[in-house]
Amino acid sequence: MRRVLALVAAIASTAATAGDVRAPATFLSPELRALQNDPSRHPGWLWVDAGEALWRGAPATGRPSCQGCHGEIAAMRGVATRYPAVAPSGDLVNLEGRIEACRSEKQQAPAFGYESEDLLSLTAAIALQSRGLPVSVATDGPAARFVAEGRRLYETRMGQLNLSCGQCHDDNAGRRLRGDVISSGVGTGYPAYRLEWNTLGSLHRRLRACSLGVRATQFDYGSREYHALELYLAVRARGLPVESPGLRR
């Protein structure tokens, strides 16, 4: 406990100067990196397989399947690199939100719901098609105000520990906290299988865990705040490869 508190104190006193943003895989141990790159051993592939089945299967409403509209799932190559993005409605949506919109509007079926097995599976299967491609979210036009909001949240001290995202993930990236290595704080591997969770989880689940860690308010899954923060993390990650489904400690 003393070591954790000492690191928190060091983080809080560090000047807010951003360093180089690195791909999450570079912070993994060689063993975990090898596991992330091996579909035969990566437990997240169970969700990918389920997602591919959902892609092919028609909903109970009798409307076309995802494949019926879009073709083979490989046609989704590059899609995940562009999300979050601003929808025609003016709202910011991430990949999960786009899937849910298609399901409710095109398939006329009930939404899966955030953090449901079906949504995680379909998101992972679609994101996998962009694995290795560089993140390329839009930052101008209607996206600009969401980028600004996400940056504000990233740089704002929060919670009883009075820490910002940047104080951990910029100023102390590469240091150890509770046996884990602090990363550059980008979401290129999500949905990701976390050994701590023993399951696949969304980036918003990870953000909620971070909020809890600094004893700050946890926003709802799919909240405006987490959408904006997700976009800003993607802006920081522009040019880095998509790693979904990632593997995290």
C-alpha atoms as a PDB file:
ATOM      1  CA  MET A   1       0.000   0.000   0.000  1.00  0.00           C
ATOM      2  CA  ARG A   2       2.831   2.417   0.826  1.00  0.00           C
ATOM      3  CA  ARG A   3       4.409   1.838  -2.582  1.00  0.00           C
ATOM      4  CA  VAL A   4       1.098   2.537  -4.327  1.00  0.00           C
ATOM      5  CA  LEU A   5       0.554   5.731  -2.325  1.00  0.00           C
ATOM      6  CA  ALA A   6       4.128   6.806  -3.026  1.00  0.00           C
ATOM      7  CA  LEU A   7       3.610   6.362  -6.762  1.00  0.00           C
ATOM      8  CA  VAL A   8       0.301   8.244  -6.596  1.00  0.00           C
ATOM      9  CA  ALA A   9       2.107  11.093  -4.850  1.00  0.00           C
ATOM     10  CA  ALA A  10       4.828  11.052  -7.494  1.00  0.00           C
ATOM     11  CA  ILE A  11       2.237  11.095 -10.258  1.00  0.00           C
ATOM     12  CA  ALA A  12       0.397  14.002  -8.661  1.00  0.00           C
ATOM     13  CA  SER A  13       3.586  16.055  -8.434  1.00  0.00           C
ATOM     14  CA  THR A  14       4.773  15.389 -11.982  1.00  0.00           C
ATOM     15  CA  ALA A  15       4.651  18.251 -14.461  1.00  0.00           C
ATOM     16  CA  ALA A  16       2.049  17.683 -17.171  1.00  0.00           C
ATOM     17  CA  THR A  17       4.320  17.170 -20.158  1.00  0.00           C
ATOM     18  CA  ALA A  18       3.125  14.574 -22.662  1.00  0.00           C
ATOM     19  CA  GLY A  19       5.630  12.055 -23.916  1.00  0.00           C
ATOM     20  CA  ASP A  20       5.543   9.890 -27.001  1.00  0.00           C
ATOM     21  CA  VAL A  21       2.364   7.853 -27.373  1.00  0.00           C
ATOM     22  CA  ARG A  22       3.211   4.183 -27.917  1.00  0.00           C
ATOM     23  CA  ALA A  23       1.150   1.228 -29.069  1.00  0.00           C
ATOM     24  CA  PRO A  24      -0.294  -0.740 -26.131  1.00  0.00           C
ATOM     25  CA  ALA A  25       1.420  -3.949 -27.273  1.00  0.00           C
ATOM     26  CA  THR A  26       4.810  -2.378 -26.565  1.00  0.00           C
ATOM     27  CA  PHE A  27       3.932  -2.270 -22.865  1.00  0.00           C
ATOM     28  CA  LEU A  28       3.064  -5.981 -22.698  1.00  0.00           C
ATOM     29  CA  SER A  29       5.503  -8.621 -21.530  1.00  0.00           C
ATOM     30  CA  PRO A  30       6.920 -10.785 -24.336  1.00  0.00           C
ATOM     31  CA  GLU A  31       4.697 -13.636 -23.133  1.00  0.00           C
ATOM     32  CA  LEU A  32       1.482 -11.591 -23.239  1.00  0.00           C
ATOM     33  CA  ARG A  33       2.440 -10.043 -26.577  1.00  0.00           C
ATOM     34  CA  ALA A  34       2.909 -13.517 -28.046  1.00  0.00           C
ATOM     35  CA  LEU A  35      -0.437 -14.605 -26.602  1.00  0.00           C
ATOM     36  CA  GLN A  36      -2.185 -11.555 -28.078  1.00  0.00           C
ATOM     37  CA  ASN A  37      -0.810 -12.462 -31.503  1.00  0.00           C
ATOM     38  CA  ASP A  38      -1.775 -16.145 -31.352  1.00  0.00           C
ATOM     39  CA  PRO A  39      -5.452 -16.774 -32.245  1.00  0.00           C
ATOM     40  CA  SER A  40      -5.140 -20.403 -31.175  1.00  0.00           C
ATOM     41  CA  ARG A  41      -4.348 -19.361 -27.578  1.00  0.00           C
ATOM     42  CA  HIS A  42      -5.907 -15.894 -27.258  1.00  0.00           C
ATOM     43  CA  PRO A  43      -9.127 -16.371 -25.210  1.00  0.00           C
ATOM     44  CA  GLY A  44     -10.693 -13.341 -26.903  1.00  0.00           C
ATOM     45  CA  TRP A  45     -11.065 -15.378 -30.089  1.00  0.00           C
ATOM     46  CA  LEU A  46     -14.028 -17.158 -28.495  1.00  0.00           C
ATOM     47  CA  TRP A  47     -15.904 -13.857 -28.791  1.00  0.00           C
ATOM     48  CA  VAL A  48     -14.627 -13.315 -32.324  1.00  0.00           C
ATOM     49  CA  ASP A  49     -16.029 -16.690 -33.359  1.00  0.00           C
ATOM     50  CA  ALA A  50     -19.373 -15.841 -31.768  1.00  0.00           C
ATOM     51  CA  GLY A  51     -19.358 -12.445 -33.483  1.00  0.00           C
ATOM     52  CA  GLU A  52     -18.742 -13.966 -36.889  1.00  0.00           C
ATOM     53  CA  ALA A  53     -21.727 -16.270 -36.330  1.00  0.00           C
ATOM     54  CA  LEU A  54     -23.868 -13.257 -35.415  1.00  0.00           C
ATOM     55  CA  TRP A  55     -22.681 -11.504 -38.574  1.00  0.00           C
ATOM     56  CA  ARG A  56     -23.933 -14.364 -40.713  1.00  0.00           C
ATOM     57  CA  GLY A  57     -27.151 -15.056 -38.811  1.00  0.00           C
ATOM     58  CA  ALA A  58     -30.423 -13.286 -39.592  1.00  0.00           C
ATOM     59  CA  PRO A  59     -32.353 -11.767 -36.656  1.00  0.00           C
ATOM     60  CA  ALA A  60     -35.686 -13.187 -35.533  1.00  0.00           C
ATOM     61  CA  THR A  61     -37.434 -10.229 -37.184  1.00  0.00           C
ATOM     62  CA  GLY A  62     -36.787 -11.773 -40.585  1.00  0.00           C
ATOM     63  CA  ARG A  63     -34.735  -8.794 -41.721  1.00  0.00           C
ATOM     64  CA  PRO A  64     -31.398  -9.393 -43.500  1.00  0.00           C
ATOM     65  CA  SER A  65     -28.325 -10.423 -41.562  1.00  0.00           C
ATOM     66  CA  CYS A  66     -25.286  -8.150 -41.382  1.00  0.00           C
ATOM     67  CA  GLN A  67     -23.809 -10.262 -44.159  1.00  0.00           C
ATOM     68  CA  GLY A  68     -26.985  -9.868 -46.193  1.00  0.00           C
ATOM     69  CA  CYS A  69     -26.365  -6.118 -46.418  1.00  0.00           C
ATOM     70  CA  HIS A  70     -22.585  -5.797 -46.195  1.00  0.00           C
ATOM     71  CA  GLY A  71     -21.288  -9.064 -47.607  1.00  0.00           C
ATOM     72  CA  GLU A  72     -18.502 -11.069 -45.997  1.00  0.00           C
ATOM     73  CA  ILE A  73     -17.222  -9.648 -42.734  1.00  0.00           C
ATOM     74  CA  ALA A  74     -13.833  -9.049 -44.384  1.00  0.00           C
ATOM     75  CA  ALA A  75     -15.537  -6.130 -46.165  1.00  0.00           C
ATOM     76  CA  MET A  76     -15.388  -4.311 -42.814  1.00  0.00           C
ATOM     77  CA  ARG A  77     -11.620  -3.887 -43.169  1.00  0.00           C
ATOM     78  CA  GLY A  78     -10.778  -0.312 -42.219  1.00  0.00           C
ATOM     79  CA  VAL A  79     -14.104   0.484 -40.559  1.00  0.00           C
ATOM     80  CA  ALA A  80     -12.863   0.322 -36.956  1.00  0.00           C
ATOM     81  CA  THR A  81     -10.040   2.767 -37.724  1.00  0.00           C
ATOM     82  CA  ARG A  82     -12.605   5.556 -38.252  1.00  0.00           C
ATOM     83  CA  TYR A  83     -14.553   5.283 -34.997  1.00  0.00           C
ATOM     84  CA  PRO A  84     -15.723   7.112 -32.921  1.00  0.00           C
ATOM     85  CA  ALA A  85     -17.291   9.314 -35.602  1.00  0.00           C
ATOM     86  CA  VAL A  86     -20.069  11.879 -35.842  1.00  0.00           C
ATOM     87  CA  ALA A  87     -23.332  10.402 -37.130  1.00  0.00           C
ATOM     88  CA  PRO A  88     -25.727  12.281 -39.462  1.00  0.00           C
ATOM     89  CA  SER A  89     -27.779  13.089 -36.345  1.00  0.00           C
ATOM     90  CA  GLY A  90     -24.843  15.111 -35.012  1.00  0.00           C
ATOM     91  CA  ASP A  91     -24.210  12.648 -32.187  1.00  0.00           C
ATOM     92  CA  LEU A  92     -20.832  11.045 -31.601  1.00  0.00           C
ATOM     93  CA  VAL A  93     -21.010   7.255 -31.918  1.00  0.00           C
ATOM     94  CA  ASN A  94     -18.414   4.563 -31.456  1.00  0.00           C
ATOM     95  CA  LEU A  95     -18.313   1.205 -33.220  1.00  0.00           C
ATOM     96  CA  GLU A  96     -20.659  -0.321 -30.661  1.00  0.00           C
ATOM     97  CA  GLY A  97     -23.135   2.492 -31.213  1.00  0.00           C
ATOM     98  CA  ARG A  98     -23.009   2.034 -34.972  1.00  0.00           C
ATOM     99  CA  ILE A  99     -23.736  -1.668 -34.589  1.00  0.00           C
ATOM    100  CA  GLU A 100     -26.656  -0.953 -32.274  1.00  0.00           C
ATOM    101  CA  ALA A 101     -28.084   1.610 -34.725  1.00  0.00           C
ATOM    102  CA  CYS A 102     -27.930  -0.913 -37.568  1.00  0.00           C
ATOM    103  CA  ARG A 103     -29.600  -3.538 -35.427  1.00  0.00           C
ATOM    104  CA  SER A 104     -32.492  -1.339 -34.300  1.00  0.00           C
ATOM    105  CA  GLU A 105     -33.012   0.666 -37.501  1.00  0.00           C
ATOM    106  CA  LYS A 106     -32.164  -1.802 -40.269  1.00  0.00           C
ATOM    107  CA  GLN A 107     -32.870  -5.144 -38.634  1.00  0.00           C
ATOM    108  CA  GLN A 108     -35.724  -3.797 -36.495  1.00  0.00           C
ATOM    109  CA  ALA A 109     -34.491  -5.901 -33.601  1.00  0.00           C
ATOM    110  CA  PRO A 110     -33.948  -5.000 -29.940  1.00  0.00           C
ATOM    111  CA  ALA A 111     -30.563  -3.457 -29.190  1.00  0.00           C
ATOM    112  CA  PHE A 112     -28.034  -5.841 -27.692  1.00  0.00           C
ATOM    113  CA  GLY A 113     -27.139  -3.474 -24.847  1.00  0.00           C
ATOM    114  CA  TYR A 114     -23.755  -2.172 -23.756  1.00  0.00           C
ATOM    115  CA  GLU A 115     -21.374  -4.820 -22.411  1.00  0.00           C
ATOM    116  CA  SER A 116     -23.637  -7.658 -23.533  1.00  0.00           C
ATOM    117  CA  GLU A 117     -21.925 -10.769 -24.848  1.00  0.00           C
ATOM    118  CA  ASP A 118     -23.508 -10.326 -28.283  1.00  0.00           C
ATOM    119  CA  LEU A 119     -22.413  -6.705 -28.696  1.00  0.00           C
ATOM    120  CA  LEU A 120     -18.896  -7.421 -27.457  1.00  0.00           C
ATOM    121  CA  SER A 121     -18.653 -10.399 -29.814  1.00  0.00           C
ATOM    122  CA  LEU A 122     -19.861  -8.570 -32.910  1.00  0.00           C
ATOM    123  CA  THR A 123     -17.703  -5.531 -32.119  1.00  0.00           C
ATOM    124  CA  ALA A 124     -14.620  -7.722 -31.674  1.00  0.00           C
ATOM    125  CA  ALA A 125     -15.266  -9.589 -34.927  1.00  0.00           C
ATOM    126  CA  ILE A 126     -15.673  -6.353 -36.895  1.00  0.00           C
ATOM    127  CA  ALA A 127     -12.709  -4.631 -35.227  1.00  0.00           C
ATOM    128  CA  LEU A 128     -10.510  -7.639 -35.992  1.00  0.00           C
ATOM    129  CA  GLN A 129     -10.862  -6.925 -39.711  1.00  0.00           C
ATOM    130  CA  SER A 130      -8.883  -3.695 -39.164  1.00  0.00           C
ATOM    131  CA  ARG A 131      -6.146  -5.281 -37.064  1.00  0.00           C
ATOM    132  CA  GLY A 132      -2.796  -3.778 -38.014  1.00  0.00           C
ATOM    133  CA  LEU A 133      -4.290  -0.787 -39.832  1.00  0.00           C
ATOM    134  CA  PRO A 134      -3.560   2.716 -38.489  1.00  0.00           C
ATOM    135  CA  VAL A 135      -6.169   4.603 -36.475  1.00  0.00           C
ATOM    136  CA  SER A 136      -7.504   7.454 -38.627  1.00  0.00           C
ATOM    137  CA  VAL A 137     -10.410   9.159 -36.855  1.00  0.00           C
ATOM    138  CA  ALA A 138     -11.674  12.517 -38.122  1.00  0.00           C
ATOM    139  CA  THR A 139     -10.856  15.509 -35.928  1.00  0.00           C
ATOM    140  CA  ASP A 140     -12.183  18.474 -37.888  1.00  0.00           C
ATOM    141  CA  GLY A 141     -15.649  19.731 -38.781  1.00  0.00           C
ATOM    142  CA  PRO A 142     -18.385  18.412 -36.482  1.00  0.00           C
ATOM    143  CA  ALA A 143     -15.882  16.189 -34.649  1.00  0.00           C
ATOM    144  CA  ALA A 144     -13.824  19.134 -33.398  1.00  0.00           C
ATOM    145  CA  ARG A 145     -16.049  19.985 -30.440  1.00  0.00           C
ATOM    146  CA  PHE A 146     -16.050  16.373 -29.264  1.00  0.00           C
ATOM    147  CA  VAL A 147     -12.256  16.225 -29.527  1.00  0.00           C
ATOM    148  CA  ALA A 148     -12.050  19.367 -27.388  1.00  0.00           C
ATOM    149  CA  GLU A 149     -14.414  17.890 -24.809  1.00  0.00           C
ATOM    150  CA  GLY A 150     -12.455  14.641 -24.706  1.00  0.00           C
ATOM    151  CA  ARG A 151      -9.198  16.506 -24.241  1.00  0.00           C
ATOM    152  CA  ARG A 152     -10.708  18.544 -21.419  1.00  0.00           C
ATOM    153  CA  LEU A 153     -11.766  15.360 -19.650  1.00  0.00           C
ATOM    154  CA  TYR A 154      -8.352  13.781 -20.239  1.00  0.00           C
ATOM    155  CA  GLU A 155      -6.527  16.747 -18.722  1.00  0.00           C
ATOM    156  CA  THR A 156      -8.885  17.440 -15.792  1.00  0.00           C
ATOM    157  CA  ARG A 157      -7.935  16.239 -12.326  1.00  0.00           C
ATOM    158  CA  MET A 158     -10.711  14.080 -10.912  1.00  0.00           C
ATOM    159  CA  GLY A 159     -11.748  12.178  -7.831  1.00  0.00           C
ATOM    160  CA  GLN A 160     -10.449  12.010  -4.298  1.00  0.00           C
ATOM    161  CA  LEU A 161      -6.949  11.270  -5.598  1.00  0.00           C
ATOM    162  CA  ASN A 162      -7.102  14.459  -7.704  1.00  0.00           C
ATOM    163  CA  LEU A 163      -5.458  12.878 -10.750  1.00  0.00           C
ATOM    164  CA  SER A 164      -5.970  13.397 -14.473  1.00  0.00           C
ATOM    165  CA  CYS A 165      -5.656  10.737 -17.162  1.00  0.00           C
ATOM    166  CA  GLY A 166      -2.578  12.507 -18.486  1.00  0.00           C
ATOM    167  CA  GLN A 167      -0.738  12.433 -15.177  1.00  0.00           C
ATOM    168  CA  CYS A 168      -0.710   8.640 -15.369  1.00  0.00           C
ATOM    169  CA  HIS A 169      -0.601   7.917 -19.075  1.00  0.00           C
ATOM    170  CA  ASP A 170       1.624  10.762 -20.302  1.00  0.00           C
ATOM    171  CA  ASP A 171       3.894  11.600 -17.408  1.00  0.00           C
ATOM    172  CA  ASN A 172       4.327   8.108 -15.981  1.00  0.00           C
ATOM    173  CA  ALA A 173       3.938   5.772 -18.955  1.00  0.00           C
ATOM    174  CA  GLY A 174       6.289   2.832 -18.570  1.00  0.00           C
ATOM    175  CA  ARG A 175       6.343   2.909 -14.773  1.00  0.00           C
ATOM    176  CA  ARG A 176       4.822   0.103 -12.732  1.00  0.00           C
ATOM    177  CA  LEU A 177       1.688   0.353 -10.616  1.00  0.00           C
ATOM    178  CA  ARG A 178       0.389  -2.670  -8.698  1.00  0.00           C
ATOM    179  CA  GLY A 179       2.483  -5.016 -10.791  1.00  0.00           C
ATOM    180  CA  ASP A 180       1.235  -3.631 -14.103  1.00  0.00           C
ATOM    181  CA  VAL A 181       2.982  -1.281 -16.517  1.00  0.00           C
ATOM    182  CA  ILE A 182       1.280   2.079 -17.084  1.00  0.00           C
ATOM    183  CA  SER A 183       0.615   2.416 -20.811  1.00  0.00           C
ATOM    184  CA  SER A 184       0.149   5.464 -23.022  1.00  0.00           C
ATOM    185  CA  GLY A 185      -3.581   5.191 -22.427  1.00  0.00           C
ATOM    186  CA  VAL A 186      -5.030   4.574 -25.891  1.00  0.00           C
ATOM    187  CA  GLY A 187      -7.916   2.275 -26.770  1.00  0.00           C
ATOM    188  CA  THR A 188      -6.601   0.513 -29.865  1.00  0.00           C
ATOM    189  CA  GLY A 189      -6.978  -2.960 -28.346  1.00  0.00           C
ATOM    190  CA  TYR A 190     -10.611  -2.774 -27.288  1.00  0.00           C
ATOM    191  CA  PRO A 191     -12.729  -4.777 -26.974  1.00  0.00           C
ATOM    192  CA  ALA A 192      -9.977  -6.546 -25.045  1.00  0.00           C
ATOM    193  CA  TYR A 193      -9.677  -9.660 -22.935  1.00  0.00           C
ATOM    194  CA  ARG A 194      -8.333  -8.641 -19.533  1.00  0.00           C
ATOM    195  CA  LEU A 195      -6.920 -11.356 -17.314  1.00  0.00           C
ATOM    196  CA  GLU A 196      -8.160  -9.326 -14.334  1.00  0.00           C
ATOM    197  CA  TRP A 197     -11.737  -9.581 -15.669  1.00  0.00           C
ATOM    198  CA  ASN A 198     -11.415 -13.115 -16.991  1.00  0.00           C
ATOM    199  CA  THR A 199     -13.589 -11.992 -19.904  1.00  0.00           C
ATOM    200  CA  LEU A 200     -13.789  -9.607 -22.840  1.00  0.00           C
ATOM    201  CA  GLY A 201     -14.713  -6.008 -22.074  1.00  0.00           C
ATOM    202  CA  SER A 202     -15.251  -2.686 -23.802  1.00  0.00           C
ATOM    203  CA  LEU A 203     -13.141   0.452 -23.556  1.00  0.00           C
ATOM    204  CA  HIS A 204     -15.928   2.077 -21.537  1.00  0.00           C
ATOM    205  CA  ARG A 205     -15.614  -0.682 -18.947  1.00  0.00           C
ATOM    206  CA  ARG A 206     -11.903   0.132 -18.695  1.00  0.00           C
ATOM    207  CA  LEU A 207     -12.629   3.850 -18.394  1.00  0.00           C
ATOM    208  CA  ARG A 208     -15.098   3.153 -15.597  1.00  0.00           C
ATOM    209  CA  ALA A 209     -12.411   1.134 -13.824  1.00  0.00           C
ATOM    210  CA  CYS A 210      -9.995   4.059 -14.167  1.00  0.00           C
ATOM    211  CA  SER A 211     -12.618   6.431 -12.762  1.00  0.00           C
ATOM    212  CA  LEU A 212     -13.123   4.096  -9.819  1.00  0.00           C
ATOM    213  CA  GLY A 213      -9.369   3.835  -9.334  1.00  0.00           C
ATOM    214  CA  VAL A 214      -9.017   7.577  -8.706  1.00  0.00           C
ATOM    215  CA  ARG A 215     -12.298   7.579  -6.736  1.00  0.00           C
ATOM    216  CA  ALA A 216     -14.104   9.729  -9.264  1.00  0.00           C
ATOM    217  CA  THR A 217     -17.624   9.609 -10.678  1.00  0.00           C
ATOM    218  CA  GLN A 218     -18.172   6.670 -13.019  1.00  0.00           C
ATOM    219  CA  PHE A 219     -20.141   7.754 -16.070  1.00  0.00           C
ATOM    220  CA  ASP A 220     -22.621   5.360 -17.653  1.00  0.00           C
ATOM    221  CA  TYR A 221     -21.618   2.983 -20.426  1.00  0.00           C
ATOM    222  CA  GLY A 222     -22.182   4.825 -23.688  1.00  0.00           C
ATOM    223  CA  SER A 223     -22.252   8.220 -21.962  1.00  0.00           C
ATOM    224  CA  ARG A 224     -21.446  11.422 -23.811  1.00  0.00           C
ATOM    225  CA  GLU A 225     -18.407  11.875 -21.577  1.00  0.00           C
ATOM    226  CA  TYR A 226     -16.885   8.475 -22.315  1.00  0.00           C
ATOM    227  CA  HIS A 227     -17.651   8.843 -26.025  1.00  0.00           C
ATOM    228  CA  ALA A 228     -15.757  12.149 -26.103  1.00  0.00           C
ATOM    229  CA  LEU A 229     -12.875  10.682 -24.117  1.00  0.00           C
ATOM    230  CA  GLU A 230     -12.799   7.645 -26.419  1.00  0.00           C
ATOM    231  CA  LEU A 231     -12.493   9.950 -29.423  1.00  0.00           C
ATOM    232  CA  TYR A 232      -9.662  11.920 -27.831  1.00  0.00           C
ATOM    233  CA  LEU A 233      -7.820   8.681 -27.033  1.00  0.00           C
ATOM    234  CA  ALA A 234      -8.237   7.716 -30.696  1.00  0.00           C
ATOM    235  CA  VAL A 235      -6.846  11.111 -31.722  1.00  0.00           C
ATOM    236  CA  ARG A 236      -3.794  10.434 -29.561  1.00  0.00           C
ATOM    237  CA  ALA A 237      -3.514   7.018 -31.214  1.00  0.00           C
ATOM    238  CA  ARG A 238      -3.714   8.221 -34.822  1.00  0.00           C
ATOM    239  CA  GLY A 239      -1.195   6.271 -36.873  1.00  0.00           C
ATOM    240  CA  LEU A 240      -0.922   3.464 -34.328  1.00  0.00           C
ATOM    241  CA  PRO A 241      -2.200   0.028 -35.374  1.00  0.00           C
ATOM    242  CA  VAL A 242      -5.530  -1.385 -34.292  1.00  0.00           C
ATOM    243  CA  GLU A 243      -4.878  -4.343 -31.950  1.00  0.00           C
ATOM    244  CA  SER A 244      -8.443  -5.569 -31.338  1.00  0.00           C
ATOM    245  CA  PRO A 245      -9.120  -7.906 -29.779  1.00  0.00           C
ATOM    246  CA  GLY A 246      -6.335  -6.986 -27.401  1.00  0.00           C
ATOM    247  CA  LEU A 247      -5.030  -8.868 -24.398  1.00  0.00           C
ATOM    248  CA  ARG A 248      -4.423  -7.004 -21.182  1.00  0.00           C
ATOM    249  CA  ARG A 249      -3.237  -7.978 -17.750  1.00  0.00           C
END
